[in-house]
Amino acid sequence: MILAVLASSLAVALPAKAERVCKVTDPTGTPLNVRNRPNGEVIATLPNGVRVYIEESVTDDQGRPWVKVGRDSEEGYYSWGWVIREFISCYNQ
């Protein structure tokens, strides 16, 4: 009983980003470009399978959906930048 109450309170305390797990799933077989803004300069790349959280989403002038992604690390939460949404697959935990 105590464990159930504790688990219930922990689930409420978790941040919203922990509710959905997302991974890089770029079908081209190359690392996914991460940009400083939608359609911006490439600042990093992410290989397939990397777990990320979607922080924000926008649609560019051409109607393409972009998402800002980040992840937890040993040093804390790290925000990478913007990627095309179609290369990120998400599912509920």
N, C-alpha and C. Protein backbone atom coordinates (compact mmCIF):
# COMPACT_ATOMS: atom_id res chain seq x y z
N MET A 1 0.83 -1.19 0.00
CA MET A 1 0.00 0.00 0.00
C MET A 1 0.87 1.25 0.00
N ILE A 2 1.87 1.28 0.88
CA ILE A 2 2.75 2.45 0.96
C ILE A 2 3.50 2.63 -0.35
N LEU A 3 3.96 1.53 -0.94
CA LEU A 3 4.66 1.62 -2.23
C LEU A 3 3.76 2.17 -3.31
N ALA A 4 2.50 1.78 -3.32
CA ALA A 4 1.56 2.27 -4.33
C ALA A 4 1.35 3.77 -4.18
N VAL A 5 1.23 4.25 -2.95
CA VAL A 5 1.06 5.69 -2.71
C VAL A 5 2.32 6.43 -3.12
N LEU A 6 3.48 5.90 -2.75
CA LEU A 6 4.75 6.52 -3.11
C LEU A 6 4.94 6.55 -4.62
N ALA A 7 4.67 5.46 -5.29
CA ALA A 7 4.79 5.41 -6.74
C ALA A 7 3.83 6.38 -7.39
N SER A 8 2.64 6.48 -6.86
CA SER A 8 1.65 7.42 -7.39
C SER A 8 2.14 8.85 -7.25
N SER A 9 2.71 9.20 -6.11
CA SER A 9 3.18 10.57 -5.91
C SER A 9 4.40 10.86 -6.76
N LEU A 10 5.25 9.88 -6.99
CA LEU A 10 6.41 10.07 -7.86
C LEU A 10 5.98 10.31 -9.30
N ALA A 11 4.99 9.60 -9.75
CA ALA A 11 4.51 9.77 -11.12
C ALA A 11 3.98 11.17 -11.34
N VAL A 12 3.34 11.74 -10.34
CA VAL A 12 2.82 13.10 -10.44
C VAL A 12 3.97 14.10 -10.45
N ALA A 13 5.04 13.81 -9.72
CA ALA A 13 6.15 14.75 -9.59
C ALA A 13 7.06 14.79 -10.82
N LEU A 14 6.99 13.78 -11.68
CA LEU A 14 7.86 13.75 -12.85
C LEU A 14 7.50 14.86 -13.82
N PRO A 15 8.48 15.43 -14.50
CA PRO A 15 8.19 16.47 -15.48
C PRO A 15 7.45 15.90 -16.68
N ALA A 16 6.73 16.76 -17.40
CA ALA A 16 5.92 16.33 -18.54
C ALA A 16 6.76 15.64 -19.60
N LYS A 17 8.01 16.05 -19.80
CA LYS A 17 8.85 15.47 -20.83
C LYS A 17 9.10 13.98 -20.62
N ALA A 18 8.94 13.49 -19.39
CA ALA A 18 9.19 12.09 -19.10
C ALA A 18 8.03 11.19 -19.52
N GLU A 19 6.90 11.76 -19.87
CA GLU A 19 5.74 10.96 -20.22
C GLU A 19 5.84 10.33 -21.60
N ARG A 20 6.56 10.94 -22.51
CA ARG A 20 6.70 10.43 -23.87
C ARG A 20 8.17 10.21 -24.17
N VAL A 21 8.47 9.02 -24.66
CA VAL A 21 9.83 8.70 -25.04
C VAL A 21 9.93 8.85 -26.56
N CYS A 22 10.96 9.56 -27.01
CA CYS A 22 11.16 9.76 -28.44
C CYS A 22 12.57 9.32 -28.80
N LYS A 23 12.73 8.86 -30.03
CA LYS A 23 14.04 8.46 -30.52
C LYS A 23 14.25 9.00 -31.93
N VAL A 24 15.51 9.22 -32.27
CA VAL A 24 15.87 9.61 -33.63
C VAL A 24 15.68 8.39 -34.52
N THR A 25 14.92 8.56 -35.60
CA THR A 25 14.67 7.47 -36.55
C THR A 25 14.77 8.02 -37.97
N ASP A 26 15.96 8.39 -38.38
CA ASP A 26 16.21 8.95 -39.71
C ASP A 26 16.39 7.81 -40.70
N PRO A 27 15.47 7.65 -41.65
CA PRO A 27 15.54 6.52 -42.58
C PRO A 27 16.66 6.62 -43.62
N THR A 28 17.34 7.75 -43.70
CA THR A 28 18.40 7.91 -44.70
C THR A 28 19.67 7.16 -44.31
N GLY A 29 19.78 6.75 -43.05
CA GLY A 29 20.98 6.04 -42.61
C GLY A 29 22.13 6.97 -42.24
N THR A 30 21.93 8.26 -42.34
CA THR A 30 22.95 9.23 -41.95
C THR A 30 22.53 9.90 -40.65
N PRO A 31 23.47 10.46 -39.90
CA PRO A 31 23.08 11.16 -38.67
C PRO A 31 22.13 12.33 -38.98
N LEU A 32 21.23 12.58 -38.06
CA LEU A 32 20.24 13.65 -38.21
C LEU A 32 20.87 15.00 -37.88
N ASN A 33 20.74 15.96 -38.78
CA ASN A 33 21.25 17.31 -38.53
C ASN A 33 20.42 18.02 -37.48
N VAL A 34 21.11 18.63 -36.53
CA VAL A 34 20.47 19.46 -35.51
C VAL A 34 20.85 20.90 -35.83
N ARG A 35 19.87 21.79 -35.84
CA ARG A 35 20.10 23.17 -36.26
C ARG A 35 19.84 24.15 -35.12
N ASN A 36 20.44 25.33 -35.23
CA ASN A 36 20.28 26.34 -34.19
C ASN A 36 18.89 26.96 -34.20
N ARG A 37 18.14 26.81 -35.28
CA ARG A 37 16.75 27.24 -35.43
C ARG A 37 16.19 26.48 -36.63
N PRO A 38 14.88 26.44 -36.83
CA PRO A 38 14.35 25.77 -38.01
C PRO A 38 14.98 26.35 -39.29
N ASN A 39 15.46 25.48 -40.15
CA ASN A 39 16.17 25.85 -41.39
C ASN A 39 17.48 26.59 -41.15
N GLY A 40 17.97 26.58 -39.92
CA GLY A 40 19.19 27.33 -39.58
C GLY A 40 20.46 26.53 -39.80
N GLU A 41 21.52 27.03 -39.19
CA GLU A 41 22.85 26.44 -39.30
C GLU A 41 22.92 25.11 -38.56
N VAL A 42 23.58 24.12 -39.15
CA VAL A 42 23.78 22.82 -38.50
C VAL A 42 24.79 23.00 -37.36
N ILE A 43 24.38 22.58 -36.15
CA ILE A 43 25.25 22.74 -34.98
C ILE A 43 25.67 21.40 -34.37
N ALA A 44 25.01 20.31 -34.80
CA ALA A 44 25.34 18.98 -34.27
C ALA A 44 24.64 17.94 -35.15
N THR A 45 24.94 16.68 -34.89
CA THR A 45 24.22 15.58 -35.54
C THR A 45 23.89 14.54 -34.47
N LEU A 46 22.81 13.79 -34.71
CA LEU A 46 22.39 12.74 -33.78
C LEU A 46 22.21 11.44 -34.55
N PRO A 47 22.79 10.34 -34.08
CA PRO A 47 22.61 9.05 -34.75
C PRO A 47 21.23 8.46 -34.41
N ASN A 48 20.79 7.53 -35.24
CA ASN A 48 19.54 6.83 -34.97
C ASN A 48 19.60 6.14 -33.62
N GLY A 49 18.45 6.10 -32.95
CA GLY A 49 18.34 5.42 -31.67
C GLY A 49 18.56 6.29 -30.46
N VAL A 50 19.08 7.50 -30.63
CA VAL A 50 19.30 8.39 -29.49
C VAL A 50 17.94 8.81 -28.93
N ARG A 51 17.77 8.69 -27.62
CA ARG A 51 16.53 9.10 -26.96
C ARG A 51 16.54 10.61 -26.77
N VAL A 52 15.43 11.24 -27.10
CA VAL A 52 15.30 12.69 -26.95
C VAL A 52 13.91 13.03 -26.41
N TYR A 53 13.78 14.25 -25.92
CA TYR A 53 12.50 14.81 -25.53
C TYR A 53 12.19 15.96 -26.46
N ILE A 54 10.93 16.09 -26.85
CA ILE A 54 10.52 17.22 -27.66
C ILE A 54 10.13 18.35 -26.72
N GLU A 55 10.80 19.49 -26.87
CA GLU A 55 10.56 20.64 -26.01
C GLU A 55 9.55 21.62 -26.61
N GLU A 56 9.57 21.72 -27.92
CA GLU A 56 8.78 22.75 -28.59
C GLU A 56 8.59 22.33 -30.04
N SER A 57 7.54 22.81 -30.69
CA SER A 57 7.36 22.51 -32.11
C SER A 57 6.83 23.74 -32.84
N VAL A 58 7.25 23.86 -34.10
CA VAL A 58 6.83 24.96 -34.96
C VAL A 58 6.71 24.43 -36.39
N THR A 59 6.08 25.21 -37.23
CA THR A 59 5.99 24.90 -38.65
C THR A 59 6.68 26.02 -39.41
N ASP A 60 7.57 25.66 -40.36
CA ASP A 60 8.30 26.70 -41.10
C ASP A 60 7.44 27.26 -42.24
N ASP A 61 8.00 28.20 -42.99
CA ASP A 61 7.29 28.86 -44.09
C ASP A 61 6.87 27.90 -45.19
N GLN A 62 7.54 26.75 -45.28
CA GLN A 62 7.21 25.76 -46.30
C GLN A 62 6.24 24.70 -45.79
N GLY A 63 5.75 24.88 -44.56
CA GLY A 63 4.80 23.94 -43.98
C GLY A 63 5.41 22.71 -43.35
N ARG A 64 6.73 22.69 -43.20
CA ARG A 64 7.40 21.53 -42.59
C ARG A 64 7.43 21.67 -41.07
N PRO A 65 7.08 20.60 -40.35
CA PRO A 65 7.12 20.65 -38.88
C PRO A 65 8.54 20.45 -38.36
N TRP A 66 8.94 21.30 -37.43
CA TRP A 66 10.23 21.22 -36.76
C TRP A 66 9.99 21.07 -35.26
N VAL A 67 10.90 20.36 -34.57
CA VAL A 67 10.82 20.24 -33.12
C VAL A 67 12.18 20.56 -32.51
N LYS A 68 12.13 21.19 -31.34
CA LYS A 68 13.34 21.42 -30.56
C LYS A 68 13.50 20.23 -29.64
N VAL A 69 14.68 19.60 -29.66
CA VAL A 69 14.90 18.39 -28.87
C VAL A 69 16.02 18.57 -27.86
N GLY A 70 15.93 17.78 -26.79
CA GLY A 70 16.94 17.75 -25.75
C GLY A 70 16.94 16.39 -25.10
N ARG A 71 17.83 16.21 -24.12
CA ARG A 71 17.87 14.93 -23.40
C ARG A 71 18.52 15.11 -22.05
N ASP A 72 18.28 14.13 -21.17
CA ASP A 72 18.93 14.09 -19.87
C ASP A 72 20.32 13.50 -20.05
N SER A 73 21.27 14.01 -19.29
CA SER A 73 22.62 13.46 -19.30
C SER A 73 23.14 13.45 -17.87
N GLU A 74 24.32 12.94 -17.67
CA GLU A 74 24.90 12.90 -16.33
C GLU A 74 25.11 14.31 -15.77
N GLU A 75 25.32 15.28 -16.66
CA GLU A 75 25.54 16.66 -16.24
C GLU A 75 24.23 17.42 -16.04
N GLY A 76 23.09 16.82 -16.37
CA GLY A 76 21.79 17.48 -16.27
C GLY A 76 21.09 17.47 -17.61
N TYR A 77 20.08 18.29 -17.74
CA TYR A 77 19.32 18.33 -18.98
C TYR A 77 20.07 19.17 -20.01
N TYR A 78 20.13 18.68 -21.25
CA TYR A 78 20.83 19.37 -22.33
C TYR A 78 19.87 19.57 -23.49
N SER A 79 19.75 20.78 -23.97
CA SER A 79 18.91 21.09 -25.11
C SER A 79 19.80 21.18 -26.35
N TRP A 80 19.54 20.31 -27.37
CA TRP A 80 20.38 20.29 -28.56
C TRP A 80 20.03 21.39 -29.54
N GLY A 81 18.81 21.34 -30.07
CA GLY A 81 18.39 22.30 -31.08
C GLY A 81 17.22 21.75 -31.88
N TRP A 82 17.10 22.19 -33.12
CA TRP A 82 15.93 21.92 -33.95
C TRP A 82 16.19 20.84 -35.01
N VAL A 83 15.20 19.95 -35.17
CA VAL A 83 15.27 18.89 -36.19
C VAL A 83 13.91 18.79 -36.88
N ILE A 84 13.91 18.22 -38.09
CA ILE A 84 12.65 17.96 -38.78
C ILE A 84 11.88 16.89 -37.99
N ARG A 85 10.62 17.13 -37.71
CA ARG A 85 9.80 16.25 -36.86
C ARG A 85 9.68 14.83 -37.40
N GLU A 86 9.63 14.66 -38.70
CA GLU A 86 9.40 13.32 -39.26
C GLU A 86 10.51 12.33 -38.94
N PHE A 87 11.67 12.80 -38.48
CA PHE A 87 12.78 11.91 -38.15
C PHE A 87 12.86 11.58 -36.66
N ILE A 88 11.80 11.93 -35.92
CA ILE A 88 11.70 11.60 -34.50
C ILE A 88 10.43 10.77 -34.29
N SER A 89 10.59 9.58 -33.70
CA SER A 89 9.44 8.73 -33.41
C SER A 89 9.22 8.69 -31.91
N CYS A 90 7.96 8.84 -31.49
CA CYS A 90 7.64 8.90 -30.07
C CYS A 90 6.60 7.84 -29.72
N TYR A 91 6.64 7.41 -28.45
CA TYR A 91 5.66 6.47 -27.93
C TYR A 91 5.50 6.74 -26.44
N ASN A 92 4.37 6.33 -25.89
CA ASN A 92 4.12 6.52 -24.46
C ASN A 92 4.89 5.48 -23.67
N GLN A 93 5.40 5.88 -22.53
CA GLN A 93 6.14 4.97 -21.65
C GLN A 93 5.24 4.02 -20.96
